[in-house]
Amino acid sequence: MNLYFVTILALNLIFFVNHKKISTIYNVYDIPDNKRKKHKKPISLLGGLLILINLILYCFAEYYEISNLNFFENKNEILIFLFCSLCFFLVGFVDDKYNLRPNLKLFIYILIILILIIFDKDLIIKNITFTFTDFIFYFHNLSFFFTILCFLLFINSLNMLDGINGQAASYTIFISLIMFFLNINANFFIGLIIPLSIFLYFNFKDKMFLGDSGTILLGFIISYFFIKSYNLGFRIYADEIFLIMMIPGFELLRLAIQRLVKNKHPFSPDNNHIHHLMINKTNFLNSYLAIQSFLIFPFLSYLLIVNSIFSLVISLIFYVLIIKILSLKK
């Protein structure tokens, strides 16, 4: 085991052993309100800080070439990635503490993404390719707009997914495993799985949450590596990425439409997420297992069928039926 992974293990063990002391210093808690937040006591939102610390360690190893990671082409890319990651973390941190207005958060997201793609042109999505055809769709003058849209969809869909213990962290582990087996920056994603796996124990025990600082940062990290890997020609296609993120994406679309119909902001919080609907019908364990199975179903069905269109169709039908059933009143 190389120095990078030894350091990750040691750093995370120190973090988790001292999580109570760190929580007191960090001083950001999720306060129950008996409406959307039904836990019994304030719970530390340390998850975001945990992800940030591991990300800083990864960027440090990349910058000083301590370990054979070699994903970035130059040191400027590492610095701009770390800077934007820190910005997204800080937005989530402030949101956890003071509840920022949705429009303000959206504006800041766009500003950070603009800075990112101005300094790193490898992130601009100029075309999309699919597994089922040789046709390449080019965006031309819309490349900037489409790139920003993709980042926003990734970040907000993962943020909306975080509603019951283990949900966002488990799904991120699933995505990390896909990236590992595709050999797309595998060392980084193994380094991400380690803290998230330990975090799950504390999360299930109601001792630690990811918070917006965690889910927003994770959403940015996933979108960054998906987009950059795709643009650099790693063996992943647009339809495969879509299937991986399909259910969170549909949830984002469904909830946004419902809120707009009710004259609410599309990113305002409510209790209509799939995890809220599920947990109203059954207990936590059943809800968690059912939703995790549902989240990974589109991509797993694609691996079995090797036909992304068919997987998309059956997953969409399955999604609509599940939402319809969960929406039925007792």
Protein backbone atom coordinates (compact mmCIF):
# COMPACT_ATOMS: atom_id res chain seq x y z
CA MET A 1 0.00 0.00 0.00
CA ASN A 2 1.59 3.30 -1.07
CA LEU A 3 2.10 6.43 1.00
CA TYR A 4 -1.08 8.10 -0.36
CA PHE A 5 -3.44 5.40 0.93
CA VAL A 6 -1.58 4.98 4.22
CA THR A 7 -1.93 8.73 4.81
CA ILE A 8 -5.65 8.65 3.91
CA LEU A 9 -6.31 5.81 6.36
CA ALA A 10 -4.35 7.48 9.15
CA LEU A 11 -5.90 10.91 8.56
CA ASN A 12 -9.45 9.57 8.50
CA LEU A 13 -8.97 7.43 11.59
CA ILE A 14 -7.70 10.50 13.47
CA PHE A 15 -10.69 12.48 12.17
CA PHE A 16 -13.29 9.93 13.22
CA VAL A 17 -11.71 9.18 16.61
CA ASN A 18 -11.81 12.91 17.38
CA HIS A 19 -15.11 13.71 15.64
CA LYS A 20 -16.77 15.05 18.81
CA LYS A 21 -14.00 17.55 19.46
CA ILE A 22 -13.91 18.55 15.80
CA SER A 23 -17.71 18.96 15.80
CA THR A 24 -17.46 21.38 18.72
CA ILE A 25 -14.86 23.47 16.89
CA TYR A 26 -16.67 23.25 13.53
CA ASN A 27 -19.96 24.20 15.24
CA VAL A 28 -22.40 23.48 12.40
CA TYR A 29 -25.36 21.30 13.33
CA ASP A 30 -28.55 20.10 11.68
CA ILE A 31 -31.35 21.20 14.03
CA PRO A 32 -34.55 19.10 14.05
CA ASP A 33 -37.77 20.95 13.20
CA ASN A 34 -40.30 18.05 13.35
CA LYS A 35 -41.25 18.81 9.73
CA ARG A 36 -38.54 17.94 7.22
CA LYS A 37 -35.89 17.19 9.86
CA LYS A 38 -37.29 14.59 12.21
CA HIS A 39 -34.17 13.42 14.06
CA LYS A 40 -34.36 13.85 17.81
CA LYS A 41 -31.28 15.98 18.54
CA PRO A 42 -28.88 18.36 16.73
CA ILE A 43 -26.44 16.38 14.57
CA SER A 44 -23.04 17.59 13.41
CA LEU A 45 -22.71 18.41 9.70
CA LEU A 46 -19.09 17.25 9.64
CA GLY A 47 -19.39 15.27 6.41
CA GLY A 48 -18.52 18.21 4.19
CA LEU A 49 -15.33 18.96 6.15
CA LEU A 50 -14.37 15.29 5.93
CA ILE A 51 -14.68 15.29 2.13
CA LEU A 52 -12.77 18.56 1.87
CA ILE A 53 -9.85 17.29 3.97
CA ASN A 54 -9.51 14.19 1.80
CA LEU A 55 -9.76 16.30 -1.34
CA ILE A 56 -6.98 18.62 -0.13
CA LEU A 57 -4.81 15.58 0.57
CA TYR A 58 -5.45 14.27 -2.95
CA CYS A 59 -4.61 17.62 -4.56
CA PHE A 60 -1.45 17.89 -2.42
CA ALA A 61 -0.33 14.43 -3.61
CA GLU A 62 -1.08 15.38 -7.23
CA TYR A 63 0.65 18.76 -7.02
CA TYR A 64 3.87 17.46 -5.46
CA GLU A 65 3.75 14.15 -7.38
CA ILE A 66 4.00 12.23 -4.13
CA SER A 67 1.98 9.32 -5.49
CA ASN A 68 1.42 7.96 -8.97
CA LEU A 69 -1.99 9.60 -9.48
CA ASN A 70 -1.35 11.57 -12.69
CA PHE A 71 -4.86 12.69 -13.65
CA PHE A 72 -4.20 16.40 -14.17
CA GLU A 73 -2.13 17.62 -17.10
CA ASN A 74 -0.50 20.50 -15.22
CA LYS A 75 -0.36 22.10 -11.77
CA ASN A 76 -2.60 25.01 -12.73
CA GLU A 77 -5.46 22.57 -13.30
CA ILE A 78 -4.96 21.16 -9.80
CA LEU A 79 -5.02 24.62 -8.25
CA ILE A 80 -8.17 25.78 -10.08
CA PHE A 81 -9.93 22.49 -9.21
CA LEU A 82 -9.00 22.87 -5.54
CA PHE A 83 -10.01 26.55 -5.51
CA CYS A 84 -13.45 25.84 -7.00
CA SER A 85 -13.93 22.84 -4.70
CA LEU A 86 -13.23 25.10 -1.72
CA CYS A 87 -15.72 27.66 -3.08
CA PHE A 88 -18.48 25.07 -3.38
CA PHE A 89 -17.69 23.79 0.12
CA LEU A 90 -17.94 27.32 1.53
CA VAL A 91 -21.28 27.93 -0.20
CA GLY A 92 -22.59 24.71 1.38
CA PHE A 93 -21.09 25.62 4.75
CA VAL A 94 -22.78 29.03 4.78
CA ASP A 95 -26.02 27.46 3.56
CA ASP A 96 -25.89 24.89 6.39
CA LYS A 97 -25.44 27.71 8.90
CA TYR A 98 -27.68 30.46 7.53
CA ASN A 99 -29.97 28.94 4.83
CA LEU A 100 -29.07 30.91 1.71
CA ARG A 101 -31.77 31.90 -0.77
CA PRO A 102 -32.00 29.50 -3.76
CA ASN A 103 -31.45 32.26 -6.34
CA LEU A 104 -28.33 33.48 -4.56
CA LYS A 105 -26.91 29.94 -4.45
CA LEU A 106 -27.68 29.43 -8.13
CA PHE A 107 -25.92 32.69 -9.03
CA ILE A 108 -22.82 31.72 -7.01
CA TYR A 109 -22.78 28.22 -8.56
CA ILE A 110 -22.80 29.71 -12.06
CA LEU A 111 -20.07 32.19 -11.15
CA ILE A 112 -17.79 29.44 -9.80
CA ILE A 113 -18.39 27.21 -12.82
CA LEU A 114 -17.64 30.10 -15.18
CA ILE A 115 -14.32 30.71 -13.42
CA LEU A 116 -13.55 27.00 -13.66
CA ILE A 117 -14.20 26.55 -17.38
CA ILE A 118 -12.48 29.83 -18.28
CA PHE A 119 -9.25 28.57 -16.69
CA ASP A 120 -9.66 24.91 -17.71
CA LYS A 121 -10.81 24.55 -21.31
CA ASP A 122 -10.77 20.72 -21.03
CA LEU A 123 -14.07 21.03 -19.13
CA ILE A 124 -16.02 22.65 -21.98
CA ILE A 125 -18.35 20.05 -23.51
CA LYS A 126 -18.12 20.62 -27.26
CA ASN A 127 -19.90 17.45 -28.37
CA ILE A 128 -21.57 14.31 -27.08
CA THR A 129 -21.14 10.75 -28.30
CA PHE A 130 -23.26 7.68 -27.62
CA THR A 131 -22.68 3.93 -27.41
CA PHE A 132 -25.43 3.10 -29.90
CA THR A 133 -24.42 5.32 -32.84
CA ASP A 134 -21.38 6.84 -34.55
CA PHE A 135 -23.19 10.17 -34.86
CA ILE A 136 -21.57 13.01 -32.90
CA PHE A 137 -23.70 15.92 -31.75
CA TYR A 138 -21.78 19.23 -31.68
CA PHE A 139 -22.86 22.19 -29.53
CA HIS A 140 -20.78 24.90 -31.24
CA ASN A 141 -21.74 28.28 -29.67
CA LEU A 142 -23.85 26.55 -27.00
CA SER A 143 -20.90 24.66 -25.50
CA PHE A 144 -20.45 27.09 -22.58
CA PHE A 145 -24.15 27.06 -21.75
CA PHE A 146 -24.44 23.27 -21.96
CA THR A 147 -21.36 22.76 -19.78
CA ILE A 148 -22.71 25.06 -17.06
CA LEU A 149 -26.09 23.31 -17.27
CA CYS A 150 -24.49 19.88 -16.80
CA PHE A 151 -22.57 21.04 -13.72
CA LEU A 152 -25.73 22.56 -12.22
CA LEU A 153 -27.76 19.41 -12.87
CA PHE A 154 -25.13 17.16 -11.29
CA ILE A 155 -24.69 19.35 -8.22
CA ASN A 156 -28.38 20.00 -7.53
CA SER A 157 -29.54 16.45 -8.24
CA LEU A 158 -27.07 14.98 -5.73
CA ASN A 159 -27.94 17.69 -3.21
CA MET A 160 -31.66 16.88 -3.51
CA LEU A 161 -30.89 13.18 -3.09
CA ASP A 162 -29.62 13.65 0.45
CA GLY A 163 -32.66 13.13 2.63
CA ILE A 164 -32.27 9.95 4.66
CA ASN A 165 -29.20 8.49 6.31
CA GLY A 166 -26.72 6.84 3.99
CA GLN A 167 -28.45 7.74 0.76
CA ALA A 168 -26.05 10.27 -0.82
CA ALA A 169 -22.90 8.65 0.58
CA SER A 170 -23.88 5.16 -0.61
CA TYR A 171 -24.73 6.46 -4.06
CA THR A 172 -21.41 8.29 -4.28
CA ILE A 173 -19.63 5.03 -3.35
CA PHE A 174 -21.51 3.30 -6.19
CA ILE A 175 -20.37 5.98 -8.67
CA SER A 176 -16.82 5.77 -7.31
CA LEU A 177 -16.80 2.00 -7.89
CA ILE A 178 -17.88 2.54 -11.51
CA MET A 179 -15.05 5.04 -12.02
CA PHE A 180 -12.60 2.62 -10.39
CA PHE A 181 -13.55 -0.30 -12.62
CA LEU A 182 -13.42 1.96 -15.68
CA ASN A 183 -9.93 2.97 -14.48
CA ILE A 184 -10.87 6.66 -14.51
CA ASN A 185 -8.69 8.29 -11.85
CA ALA A 186 -9.08 5.05 -9.88
CA ASN A 187 -6.74 6.03 -7.03
CA PHE A 188 -8.76 9.13 -6.24
CA PHE A 189 -12.06 7.28 -6.12
CA ILE A 190 -10.66 4.52 -3.90
CA GLY A 191 -9.42 7.34 -1.69
CA LEU A 192 -12.98 8.72 -1.65
CA ILE A 193 -14.59 5.36 -0.87
CA ILE A 194 -12.48 4.93 2.28
CA PRO A 195 -13.78 7.99 4.22
CA LEU A 196 -17.32 7.62 2.87
CA SER A 197 -17.48 4.00 4.03
CA ILE A 198 -16.42 4.97 7.55
CA PHE A 199 -18.75 7.98 7.44
CA LEU A 200 -21.70 5.66 6.75
CA TYR A 201 -21.27 4.02 10.16
CA PHE A 202 -21.51 7.38 11.94
CA ASN A 203 -24.30 8.52 9.61
CA PHE A 204 -26.47 5.47 10.34
CA LYS A 205 -25.86 6.05 14.06
CA ASP A 206 -27.16 9.65 13.71
CA LYS A 207 -23.79 11.04 14.76
CA MET A 208 -22.82 12.84 11.55
CA PHE A 209 -24.50 14.23 8.40
CA LEU A 210 -22.99 15.34 5.10
CA GLY A 211 -24.88 18.63 5.10
CA ASP A 212 -25.10 20.88 2.05
CA SER A 213 -21.34 21.45 2.32
CA GLY A 214 -20.87 17.73 1.76
CA THR A 215 -23.46 17.04 -0.93
CA ILE A 216 -22.68 20.20 -2.92
CA LEU A 217 -18.95 19.41 -2.81
CA LEU A 218 -19.54 15.77 -3.79
CA GLY A 219 -21.86 16.86 -6.60
CA PHE A 220 -19.16 19.17 -7.93
CA ILE A 221 -16.43 16.50 -7.64
CA ILE A 222 -18.52 13.91 -9.49
CA SER A 223 -19.54 16.35 -12.23
CA TYR A 224 -15.94 17.54 -12.61
CA PHE A 225 -14.47 14.08 -13.08
CA PHE A 226 -17.34 12.85 -15.28
CA ILE A 227 -17.01 15.84 -17.62
CA LYS A 228 -13.22 16.01 -17.66
CA SER A 229 -12.86 12.24 -18.17
CA TYR A 230 -15.39 12.33 -21.00
CA ASN A 231 -13.66 15.27 -22.71
CA LEU A 232 -10.21 13.66 -22.34
CA GLY A 233 -11.42 10.55 -24.16
CA PHE A 234 -11.68 8.04 -21.32
CA ARG A 235 -13.92 5.09 -22.15
CA ILE A 236 -17.23 6.53 -20.99
CA TYR A 237 -20.08 7.80 -23.18
CA ALA A 238 -22.78 10.42 -22.67
CA ASP A 239 -25.60 7.87 -22.44
CA GLU A 240 -23.66 5.87 -19.82
CA ILE A 241 -23.21 8.97 -17.68
CA PHE A 242 -26.90 9.76 -18.12
CA LEU A 243 -27.92 6.28 -16.92
CA ILE A 244 -25.67 6.57 -13.85
CA MET A 245 -27.28 9.90 -12.89
CA MET A 246 -30.72 9.16 -14.34
CA ILE A 247 -32.86 8.75 -11.20
CA PRO A 248 -31.46 11.79 -9.33
CA GLY A 249 -31.91 13.75 -12.58
CA PHE A 250 -35.54 12.72 -12.96
CA GLU A 251 -36.14 13.51 -9.31
CA LEU A 252 -34.72 16.99 -9.86
CA LEU A 253 -36.99 17.50 -12.88
CA ARG A 254 -40.11 16.10 -11.19
CA LEU A 255 -39.68 18.18 -8.04
CA ALA A 256 -38.86 21.35 -9.99
CA ILE A 257 -42.04 21.00 -12.08
CA GLN A 258 -44.19 20.29 -9.00
CA ARG A 259 -42.82 23.35 -7.22
CA LEU A 260 -43.24 25.63 -10.23
CA VAL A 261 -46.87 24.50 -10.57
CA LYS A 262 -47.37 25.49 -6.93
CA ASN A 263 -45.66 28.88 -7.56
CA LYS A 264 -42.62 27.88 -5.51
CA HIS A 265 -38.94 28.14 -6.35
CA PRO A 266 -37.79 24.96 -8.19
CA PHE A 267 -34.99 24.46 -5.62
CA SER A 268 -37.02 25.22 -2.49
CA PRO A 269 -37.15 22.39 0.12
CA ASP A 270 -40.22 20.20 0.64
CA ASN A 271 -41.27 16.69 1.70
CA ASN A 272 -42.06 15.30 -1.77
CA HIS A 273 -38.71 13.64 -2.52
CA ILE A 274 -38.77 9.94 -3.32
CA HIS A 275 -37.18 9.15 0.06
CA HIS A 276 -39.95 11.09 1.85
CA LEU A 277 -42.63 9.24 -0.11
CA MET A 278 -40.93 5.90 0.54
CA ILE A 279 -40.39 6.35 4.26
CA ASN A 280 -44.07 7.30 4.66
CA LYS A 281 -44.94 3.82 3.38
CA THR A 282 -42.40 1.70 5.25
CA ASN A 283 -39.52 1.80 7.72
CA PHE A 284 -36.07 3.33 7.28
CA LEU A 285 -34.18 0.14 6.39
CA ASN A 286 -36.68 -0.87 3.70
CA SER A 287 -36.69 2.68 2.33
CA TYR A 288 -32.90 2.87 2.21
CA LEU A 289 -32.48 -0.52 0.50
CA ALA A 290 -35.31 0.13 -1.98
CA ILE A 291 -34.01 3.58 -2.99
CA GLN A 292 -30.41 2.41 -3.34
CA SER A 293 -31.55 -0.48 -5.54
CA PHE A 294 -33.63 1.93 -7.57
CA LEU A 295 -30.76 4.40 -7.98
CA ILE A 296 -28.36 1.81 -9.39
CA PHE A 297 -30.97 -0.03 -11.48
CA PRO A 298 -30.58 1.96 -14.75
CA PHE A 299 -26.82 1.42 -15.04
CA LEU A 300 -26.88 -2.18 -13.80
CA SER A 301 -29.61 -3.03 -16.32
CA TYR A 302 -27.42 -1.46 -19.01
CA LEU A 303 -24.49 -3.67 -18.00
CA LEU A 304 -26.73 -6.73 -18.32
CA ILE A 305 -28.55 -5.73 -21.51
CA VAL A 306 -25.77 -3.67 -23.16
CA ASN A 307 -28.39 -1.41 -24.70
CA SER A 308 -28.66 2.07 -23.20
CA ILE A 309 -31.91 3.00 -24.96
CA PHE A 310 -33.73 -0.08 -23.69
CA SER A 311 -32.32 0.49 -20.19
CA LEU A 312 -33.49 4.10 -20.32
CA VAL A 313 -37.02 3.12 -21.36
CA ILE A 314 -37.52 0.39 -18.75
CA SER A 315 -35.95 2.56 -16.03
CA LEU A 316 -38.23 5.48 -16.92
CA ILE A 317 -41.31 3.26 -16.84
CA PHE A 318 -40.16 1.79 -13.54
CA TYR A 319 -39.56 5.28 -12.11
CA VAL A 320 -43.00 6.59 -13.13
CA LEU A 321 -44.74 3.51 -11.67
CA ILE A 322 -42.84 3.76 -8.38
CA ILE A 323 -43.64 7.45 -7.97
CA LYS A 324 -47.28 6.79 -8.87
CA ILE A 325 -47.56 4.01 -6.29
CA LEU A 326 -45.76 5.98 -3.57
CA SER A 327 -47.99 9.00 -4.21
CA LEU A 328 -51.17 7.02 -3.56
CA LYS A 329 -52.73 7.90 -0.24
CA LYS A 330 -53.40 5.13 2.27
